[in-house]
PDB file of N, CA and C in Angstrom:
ATOM      1  N   MET A   1     114.143 125.842  81.098  1.00  0.00           N
ATOM      2  CA  MET A   1     114.276 126.896  82.089  1.00  0.00           C
ATOM      3  C   MET A   1     114.468 126.261  83.406  1.00  0.00           C
ATOM      4  N   ARG A   2     115.573 126.664  84.185  1.00  0.00           N
ATOM      5  CA  ARG A   2     115.851 126.237  85.495  1.00  0.00           C
ATOM      6  C   ARG A   2     115.449 127.152  86.528  1.00  0.00           C
ATOM      7  N   ILE A   3     114.721 126.725  87.384  1.00  0.00           N
ATOM      8  CA  ILE A   3     114.089 127.570  88.531  1.00  0.00           C
ATOM      9  C   ILE A   3     114.996 127.344  89.774  1.00  0.00           C
ATOM     10  N   SER A   4     115.659 128.458  90.388  1.00  0.00           N
ATOM     11  CA  SER A   4     116.236 128.224  91.824  1.00  0.00           C
ATOM     12  C   SER A   4     115.448 128.089  92.794  1.00  0.00           C
ATOM     13  N   ASN A   5     116.131 127.392  93.806  1.00  0.00           N
ATOM     14  CA  ASN A   5     115.212 127.098  95.002  1.00  0.00           C
ATOM     15  C   ASN A   5     115.091 128.290  96.010  1.00  0.00           C
ATOM     16  N   SER A   6     115.983 129.449  95.617  1.00  0.00           N
ATOM     17  CA  SER A   6     115.915 130.543  96.399  1.00  0.00           C
ATOM     18  C   SER A   6     115.230 131.749  95.848  1.00  0.00           C
ATOM     19  N   PHE A   7     114.832 132.740  96.681  1.00  0.00           N
ATOM     20  CA  PHE A   7     113.976 133.616  96.247  1.00  0.00           C
ATOM     21  C   PHE A   7     114.854 134.968  96.223  1.00  0.00           C
ATOM     22  N   SER A   8     114.593 136.046  95.227  1.00  0.00           N
ATOM     23  CA  SER A   8     115.185 137.174  95.140  1.00  0.00           C
ATOM     24  C   SER A   8     114.600 138.112  96.270  1.00  0.00           C
ATOM     25  N   GLU A   9     115.143 139.414  96.235  1.00  0.00           N
ATOM     26  CA  GLU A   9     114.612 140.250  97.465  1.00  0.00           C
ATOM     27  C   GLU A   9     113.187 140.799  96.951  1.00  0.00           C
ATOM     28  N   GLY A  10     112.957 141.021  95.702  1.00  0.00           N
ATOM     29  CA  GLY A  10     111.659 141.369  95.188  1.00  0.00           C
ATOM     30  C   GLY A  10     110.606 140.335  95.483  1.00  0.00           C
ATOM     31  N   GLU A  11     111.141 139.076  95.114  1.00  0.00           N
ATOM     32  CA  GLU A  11     110.147 137.870  95.263  1.00  0.00           C
ATOM     33  C   GLU A  11     109.683 137.715  96.894  1.00  0.00           C
ATOM     34  N   ILE A  12     110.709 138.031  97.781  1.00  0.00           N
ATOM     35  CA  ILE A  12     110.406 137.843  99.125  1.00  0.00           C
ATOM     36  C   ILE A  12     109.464 138.951  99.485  1.00  0.00           C
ATOM     37  N   GLN A  13     109.585 140.133  99.037  1.00  0.00           N
ATOM     38  CA  GLN A  13     108.760 141.086  99.419  1.00  0.00           C
ATOM     39  C   GLN A  13     107.244 140.749  98.917  1.00  0.00           C
ATOM     40  N   VAL A  14     107.090 140.158  97.747  1.00  0.00           N
ATOM     41  CA  VAL A  14     105.713 139.849  97.200  1.00  0.00           C
ATOM     42  C   VAL A  14     105.135 138.814  98.156  1.00  0.00           C
ATOM     43  N   LEU A  15     105.992 137.741  98.694  1.00  0.00           N
ATOM     44  CA  LEU A  15     105.493 136.765  99.546  1.00  0.00           C
ATOM     45  C   LEU A  15     105.082 137.436 100.787  1.00  0.00           C
ATOM     46  N   GLU A  16     105.884 138.218 101.325  1.00  0.00           N
ATOM     47  CA  GLU A  16     105.635 138.864 102.537  1.00  0.00           C
ATOM     48  C   GLU A  16     104.308 139.635 102.520  1.00  0.00           C
ATOM     49  N   PHE A  17     103.989 140.364 101.441  1.00  0.00           N
ATOM     50  CA  PHE A  17     102.825 141.277 101.243  1.00  0.00           C
ATOM     51  C   PHE A  17     101.722 140.421 101.317  1.00  0.00           C
ATOM     52  N   ILE A  18     101.765 139.223 100.622  1.00  0.00           N
ATOM     53  CA  ILE A  18     100.560 138.319 100.341  1.00  0.00           C
ATOM     54  C   ILE A  18     100.301 137.648 101.837  1.00  0.00           C
ATOM     55  N   LEU A  19     101.236 137.108 102.582  1.00  0.00           N
ATOM     56  CA  LEU A  19     101.151 136.756 103.816  1.00  0.00           C
ATOM     57  C   LEU A  19     100.612 137.634 104.766  1.00  0.00           C
ATOM     58  N   GLN A  20     101.082 138.797 104.897  1.00  0.00           N
ATOM     59  CA  GLN A  20     100.565 139.915 105.759  1.00  0.00           C
ATOM     60  C   GLN A  20      99.056 140.305 105.511  1.00  0.00           C
ATOM     61  N   THR A  21      98.766 140.327 104.255  1.00  0.00           N
ATOM     62  CA  THR A  21      97.495 140.865 103.873  1.00  0.00           C
ATOM     63  C   THR A  21      96.490 139.495 104.183  1.00  0.00           C
ATOM     64  N   LEU A  22      96.887 138.371 104.116  1.00  0.00           N
ATOM     65  CA  LEU A  22      96.176 137.354 104.348  1.00  0.00           C
ATOM     66  C   LEU A  22      95.859 137.278 106.026  1.00  0.00           C
ATOM     67  N   LEU A  23      96.993 137.498 106.788  1.00  0.00           N
ATOM     68  CA  LEU A  23      96.765 137.538 108.196  1.00  0.00           C
ATOM     69  C   LEU A  23      95.891 138.513 108.612  1.00  0.00           C
ATOM     70  N   ARG A  24      95.719 139.790 107.688  1.00  0.00           N
ATOM     71  CA  ARG A  24      94.664 140.802 108.327  1.00  0.00           C
ATOM     72  C   ARG A  24      93.433 140.631 107.675  1.00  0.00           C
ATOM     73  N   GLY A  25      93.256 139.485 107.075  1.00  0.00           N
ATOM     74  CA  GLY A  25      91.881 139.159 106.565  1.00  0.00           C
ATOM     75  C   GLY A  25      91.425 139.764 105.200  1.00  0.00           C
ATOM     76  N   GLY A  26      92.501 140.255 104.467  1.00  0.00           N
ATOM     77  CA  GLY A  26      92.356 140.889 103.152  1.00  0.00           C
ATOM     78  C   GLY A  26      92.615 140.008 102.047  1.00  0.00           C
ATOM     79  N   SER A  27      92.420 140.667 100.858  1.00  0.00           N
ATOM     80  CA  SER A  27      92.679 139.857  99.727  1.00  0.00           C
ATOM     81  C   SER A  27      94.063 140.150  98.889  1.00  0.00           C
ATOM     82  N   PRO A  28      94.837 139.289  98.701  1.00  0.00           N
ATOM     83  CA  PRO A  28      96.291 139.378  98.200  1.00  0.00           C
ATOM     84  C   PRO A  28      96.215 139.754  96.661  1.00  0.00           C
ATOM     85  N   SER A  29      94.883 140.093  96.012  1.00  0.00           N
ATOM     86  CA  SER A  29      94.911 140.339  94.770  1.00  0.00           C
ATOM     87  C   SER A  29      95.781 141.486  94.199  1.00  0.00           C
ATOM     88  N   MET A  30      96.084 142.447  94.974  1.00  0.00           N
ATOM     89  CA  MET A  30      97.037 143.661  94.653  1.00  0.00           C
ATOM     90  C   MET A  30      98.453 142.977  94.270  1.00  0.00           C
ATOM     91  N   ALA A  31      98.761 142.011  94.907  1.00  0.00           N
ATOM     92  CA  ALA A  31     100.128 141.471  94.683  1.00  0.00           C
ATOM     93  C   ALA A  31     100.361 141.114  93.274  1.00  0.00           C
ATOM     94  N   THR A  32      99.291 140.580  92.549  1.00  0.00           N
ATOM     95  CA  THR A  32      99.509 140.233  91.247  1.00  0.00           C
ATOM     96  C   THR A  32     100.108 141.348  90.335  1.00  0.00           C
ATOM     97  N   ARG A  33      99.826 142.490  90.613  1.00  0.00           N
ATOM     98  CA  ARG A  33     100.316 143.557  89.846  1.00  0.00           C
ATOM     99  C   ARG A  33     101.856 143.939  90.145  1.00  0.00           C
ATOM    100  N   ASN A  34     102.512 143.198  91.001  1.00  0.00           N
ATOM    101  CA  ASN A  34     103.827 143.418  91.308  1.00  0.00           C
ATOM    102  C   ASN A  34     104.743 142.644  90.191  1.00  0.00           C
ATOM    103  N   LYS A  35     105.770 143.385  89.760  1.00  0.00           N
ATOM    104  CA  LYS A  35     106.609 142.584  88.705  1.00  0.00           C
ATOM    105  C   LYS A  35     107.199 141.321  88.987  1.00  0.00           C
ATOM    106  N   ASN A  36     107.224 141.080  90.333  1.00  0.00           N
ATOM    107  CA  ASN A  36     107.872 139.852  90.835  1.00  0.00           C
ATOM    108  C   ASN A  36     107.006 138.607  91.052  1.00  0.00           C
ATOM    109  N   PHE A  37     105.788 139.013  90.847  1.00  0.00           N
ATOM    110  CA  PHE A  37     104.605 138.011  91.248  1.00  0.00           C
ATOM    111  C   PHE A  37     104.767 136.859  90.191  1.00  0.00           C
ATOM    112  N   ALA A  38     104.910 137.120  89.095  1.00  0.00           N
ATOM    113  CA  ALA A  38     105.072 135.953  87.985  1.00  0.00           C
ATOM    114  C   ALA A  38     106.126 134.972  88.295  1.00  0.00           C
ATOM    115  N   SER A  39     107.200 135.578  88.751  1.00  0.00           N
ATOM    116  CA  SER A  39     108.356 134.751  89.169  1.00  0.00           C
ATOM    117  C   SER A  39     108.227 133.833  90.347  1.00  0.00           C
ATOM    118  N   VAL A  40     107.490 134.484  91.414  1.00  0.00           N
ATOM    119  CA  VAL A  40     107.163 133.669  92.693  1.00  0.00           C
ATOM    120  C   VAL A  40     106.141 132.679  92.221  1.00  0.00           C
ATOM    121  N   TYR A  41     105.263 132.983  91.374  1.00  0.00           N
ATOM    122  CA  TYR A  41     104.211 131.817  91.007  1.00  0.00           C
ATOM    123  C   TYR A  41     104.786 130.625  90.308  1.00  0.00           C
ATOM    124  N   ARG A  42     105.785 131.030  89.322  1.00  0.00           N
ATOM    125  CA  ARG A  42     106.605 130.026  88.695  1.00  0.00           C
ATOM    126  C   ARG A  42     107.263 128.942  89.629  1.00  0.00           C
ATOM    127  N   LYS A  43     107.994 129.836  90.500  1.00  0.00           N
ATOM    128  CA  LYS A  43     108.834 128.882  91.384  1.00  0.00           C
ATOM    129  C   LYS A  43     108.023 127.905  92.342  1.00  0.00           C
ATOM    130  N   VAL A  44     106.810 128.494  92.727  1.00  0.00           N
ATOM    131  CA  VAL A  44     106.064 127.712  93.697  1.00  0.00           C
ATOM    132  C   VAL A  44     105.340 126.445  92.848  1.00  0.00           C
ATOM    133  N   MET A  45     104.926 126.812  91.605  1.00  0.00           N
ATOM    134  CA  MET A  45     104.454 125.736  90.792  1.00  0.00           C
ATOM    135  C   MET A  45     105.545 124.667  90.514  1.00  0.00           C
ATOM    136  N   SER A  46     106.758 125.174  90.102  1.00  0.00           N
ATOM    137  CA  SER A  46     107.880 124.205  89.938  1.00  0.00           C
ATOM    138  C   SER A  46     108.134 123.366  91.195  1.00  0.00           C
ATOM    139  N   MET A  47     108.098 123.901  92.425  1.00  0.00           N
ATOM    140  CA  MET A  47     108.240 123.255  93.676  1.00  0.00           C
ATOM    141  C   MET A  47     107.211 122.225  94.041  1.00  0.00           C
ATOM    142  N   LYS A  48     105.973 122.619  93.537  1.00  0.00           N
ATOM    143  CA  LYS A  48     104.789 121.681  93.682  1.00  0.00           C
ATOM    144  C   LYS A  48     105.017 120.506  92.897  1.00  0.00           C
ATOM    145  N   GLN A  49     105.416 120.802  91.588  1.00  0.00           N
ATOM    146  CA  GLN A  49     105.636 119.734  90.606  1.00  0.00           C
ATOM    147  C   GLN A  49     106.698 118.735  91.174  1.00  0.00           C
ATOM    148  N   ARG A  50     107.758 119.334  91.633  1.00  0.00           N
ATOM    149  CA  ARG A  50     108.886 118.432  92.155  1.00  0.00           C
ATOM    150  C   ARG A  50     108.465 117.351  93.336  1.00  0.00           C
ATOM    151  N   VAL A  51     107.629 118.077  94.134  1.00  0.00           N
ATOM    152  CA  VAL A  51     107.081 117.361  95.242  1.00  0.00           C
ATOM    153  C   VAL A  51     106.345 116.133  94.699  1.00  0.00           C
ATOM    154  N   GLU A  52     105.268 116.467  93.731  1.00  0.00           N
ATOM    155  CA  GLU A  52     104.410 115.543  93.143  1.00  0.00           C
ATOM    156  C   GLU A  52     105.375 114.390  92.437  1.00  0.00           C
ATOM    157  N   GLU A  53     106.271 114.713  91.761  1.00  0.00           N
ATOM    158  CA  GLU A  53     107.217 113.749  91.096  1.00  0.00           C
ATOM    159  C   GLU A  53     107.746 112.921  92.081  1.00  0.00           C
ATOM    160  N   LYS A  54     108.447 113.489  93.225  1.00  0.00           N
ATOM    161  CA  LYS A  54     109.002 112.578  94.130  1.00  0.00           C
ATOM    162  C   LYS A  54     107.957 111.646  94.794  1.00  0.00           C
ATOM    163  N   ASP A  55     106.754 112.022  95.094  1.00  0.00           N
ATOM    164  CA  ASP A  55     105.672 111.260  95.687  1.00  0.00           C
ATOM    165  C   ASP A  55     105.394 109.849  94.767  1.00  0.00           C
ATOM    166  N   ARG A  56     105.222 110.313  93.404  1.00  0.00           N
ATOM    167  CA  ARG A  56     105.193 109.302  92.387  1.00  0.00           C
ATOM    168  C   ARG A  56     106.271 108.344  92.409  1.00  0.00           C
ATOM    169  N   ARG A  57     107.467 108.814  92.444  1.00  0.00           N
ATOM    170  CA  ARG A  57     108.775 107.898  92.308  1.00  0.00           C
ATOM    171  C   ARG A  57     108.618 107.007  93.668  1.00  0.00           C
ATOM    172  N   ARG A  58     108.188 107.651  94.810  1.00  0.00           N
ATOM    173  CA  ARG A  58     108.249 106.870  96.027  1.00  0.00           C
ATOM    174  C   ARG A  58     107.112 105.824  95.976  1.00  0.00           C
ATOM    175  N   GLN A  59     105.960 106.023  95.263  1.00  0.00           N
ATOM    176  CA  GLN A  59     104.938 105.084  95.315  1.00  0.00           C
ATOM    177  C   GLN A  59     105.231 104.068  94.103  1.00  0.00           C
ATOM    178  N   ALA A  60     106.166 104.474  93.185  1.00  0.00           N
ATOM    179  CA  ALA A  60     106.497 103.433  92.192  1.00  0.00           C
ATOM    180  C   ALA A  60     107.550 102.614  92.468  1.00  0.00           C
ATOM    181  N   THR A  61     108.197 102.705  93.697  1.00  0.00           N
ATOM    182  CA  THR A  61     109.306 101.763  94.003  1.00  0.00           C
ATOM    183  C   THR A  61     108.857 100.414  94.221  1.00  0.00           C
ATOM    184  N   VAL A  62     109.622  99.343  93.733  1.00  0.00           N
ATOM    185  CA  VAL A  62     109.208  97.987  93.911  1.00  0.00           C
ATOM    186  C   VAL A  62     109.943  97.424  95.072  1.00  0.00           C
ATOM    187  N   LYS A  63     109.162  96.667  95.852  1.00  0.00           N
ATOM    188  CA  LYS A  63     109.578  95.792  96.888  1.00  0.00           C
ATOM    189  C   LYS A  63     110.001  94.409  96.575  1.00  0.00           C
ATOM    190  N   SER A  64     111.178  94.157  96.879  1.00  0.00           N
ATOM    191  CA  SER A  64     111.388  92.511  96.697  1.00  0.00           C
ATOM    192  C   SER A  64     111.981  91.864  97.908  1.00  0.00           C
ATOM    193  N   SER A  65     112.234  90.584  97.909  1.00  0.00           N
ATOM    194  CA  SER A  65     112.682  89.852  99.122  1.00  0.00           C
ATOM    195  C   SER A  65     113.916  90.555  99.616  1.00  0.00           C
ATOM    196  N   VAL A  66     114.738  91.079  98.803  1.00  0.00           N
ATOM    197  CA  VAL A  66     115.971  91.733  99.233  1.00  0.00           C
ATOM    198  C   VAL A  66     115.951  93.038  99.780  1.00  0.00           C
ATOM    199  N   GLY A  67     114.932  93.699  99.261  1.00  0.00           N
ATOM    200  CA  GLY A  67     114.855  95.377  99.651  1.00  0.00           C
ATOM    201  C   GLY A  67     114.082  95.947  98.594  1.00  0.00           C
ATOM    202  N   THR A  68     114.127  97.213  98.739  1.00  0.00           N
ATOM    203  CA  THR A  68     113.593  98.287  97.884  1.00  0.00           C
ATOM    204  C   THR A  68     114.258  98.379  96.435  1.00  0.00           C
ATOM    205  N   ILE A  69     113.681  98.312  95.537  1.00  0.00           N
ATOM    206  CA  ILE A  69     114.284  98.508  94.118  1.00  0.00           C
ATOM    207  C   ILE A  69     113.763  99.705  93.448  1.00  0.00           C
ATOM    208  N   ALA A  70     114.648 100.769  93.092  1.00  0.00           N
ATOM    209  CA  ALA A  70     114.165 101.920  92.415  1.00  0.00           C
ATOM    210  C   ALA A  70     115.291 102.549  91.549  1.00  0.00           C
ATOM    211  N   ALA A  71     114.913 103.229  90.469  1.00  0.00           N
ATOM    212  CA  ALA A  71     115.946 103.730  89.646  1.00  0.00           C
ATOM    213  C   ALA A  71     116.474 104.976  90.572  1.00  0.00           C
ATOM    214  N   GLU A  72     117.700 105.471  90.148  1.00  0.00           N
ATOM    215  CA  GLU A  72     118.405 106.594  90.653  1.00  0.00           C
ATOM    216  C   GLU A  72     117.639 107.776  90.189  1.00  0.00           C
ATOM    217  N   SER A  73     117.287 108.698  90.961  1.00  0.00           N
ATOM    218  CA  SER A  73     116.507 109.831  90.560  1.00  0.00           C
ATOM    219  C   SER A  73     117.443 110.935  89.786  1.00  0.00           C
ATOM    220  N   ASP A  74     116.959 111.944  89.069  1.00  0.00           N
ATOM    221  CA  ASP A  74     117.625 112.891  88.154  1.00  0.00           C
ATOM    222  C   ASP A  74     118.341 113.607  88.985  1.00  0.00           C
ATOM    223  N   ASP A  75     117.852 113.970  90.219  1.00  0.00           N
ATOM    224  CA  ASP A  75     118.529 114.867  91.131  1.00  0.00           C
ATOM    225  C   ASP A  75     119.894 114.234  91.864  1.00  0.00           C
ATOM    226  N   GLU A  76     119.768 112.923  92.070  1.00  0.00           N
ATOM    227  CA  GLU A  76     120.901 112.131  92.488  1.00  0.00           C
ATOM    228  C   GLU A  76     122.109 112.129  91.572  1.00  0.00           C
ATOM    229  N   VAL A  77     121.594 111.781  90.273  1.00  0.00           N
ATOM    230  CA  VAL A  77     122.595 111.795  89.368  1.00  0.00           C
ATOM    231  C   VAL A  77     123.298 113.069  88.936  1.00  0.00           C
ATOM    232  N   THR A  78     122.468 114.297  88.998  1.00  0.00           N
ATOM    233  CA  THR A  78     123.055 115.478  88.677  1.00  0.00           C
ATOM    234  C   THR A  78     123.999 115.917  89.858  1.00  0.00           C
ATOM    235  N   ASP A  79     123.570 115.595  91.095  1.00  0.00           N
ATOM    236  CA  ASP A  79     124.435 115.746  92.149  1.00  0.00           C
ATOM    237  C   ASP A  79     125.905 115.085  92.004  1.00  0.00           C
ATOM    238  N   LEU A  80     125.739 113.941  91.729  1.00  0.00           N
ATOM    239  CA  LEU A  80     127.124 113.010  91.504  1.00  0.00           C
ATOM    240  C   LEU A  80     127.912 113.635  90.408  1.00  0.00           C
ATOM    241  N   ASP A  81     127.250 114.074  89.447  1.00  0.00           N
ATOM    242  CA  ASP A  81     127.933 114.598  88.298  1.00  0.00           C
ATOM    243  C   ASP A  81     128.654 115.807  88.642  1.00  0.00           C
ATOM    244  N   ASP A  82     127.883 116.727  89.382  1.00  0.00           N
ATOM    245  CA  ASP A  82     128.653 117.985  89.902  1.00  0.00           C
ATOM    246  C   ASP A  82     129.912 117.796  90.757  1.00  0.00           C
ATOM    247  N   GLU A  83     129.606 116.734  91.606  1.00  0.00           N
ATOM    248  CA  GLU A  83     130.737 116.529  92.491  1.00  0.00           C
ATOM    249  C   GLU A  83     131.905 116.061  91.849  1.00  0.00           C
ATOM    250  N   GLN A  84     131.709 115.174  90.974  1.00  0.00           N
ATOM    251  CA  GLN A  84     132.924 114.568  89.942  1.00  0.00           C
ATOM    252  C   GLN A  84     133.472 115.688  89.200  1.00  0.00           C
ATOM    253  N   ALA A  85     132.912 116.574  88.741  1.00  0.00           N
ATOM    254  CA  ALA A  85     133.236 117.650  87.854  1.00  0.00           C
ATOM    255  C   ALA A  85     134.188 118.649  88.747  1.00  0.00           C
ATOM    256  N   VAL A  86     133.693 118.748  89.997  1.00  0.00           N
ATOM    257  CA  VAL A  86     134.519 119.579  90.782  1.00  0.00           C
ATOM    258  C   VAL A  86     135.858 118.992  91.336  1.00  0.00           C
ATOM    259  N   GLY A  87     135.818 117.773  91.677  1.00  0.00           N
ATOM    260  CA  GLY A  87     136.777 117.077  92.358  1.00  0.00           C
ATOM    261  C   GLY A  87     137.571 116.109  91.352  1.00  0.00           C
TER     262      GLY A  87
END
């Protein structure tokens, strides 16, 4: 399953409700009943996982006397493939 980086109108409403509720000192537990809550949660967890993977890759780079040596990331390969397919 691919998760997009953008949010739908319903997902934005859920996020807005949670943030406004927290700013007022309330509990955002009511938002969990919204049908878009699960989708927002999956996206946030996916984003968190991507950040953690990037951090691990950054820490796993090898320094040599010539410079930094690291394998090409999946994101870079996909971007190049997409550009070549279009042009």
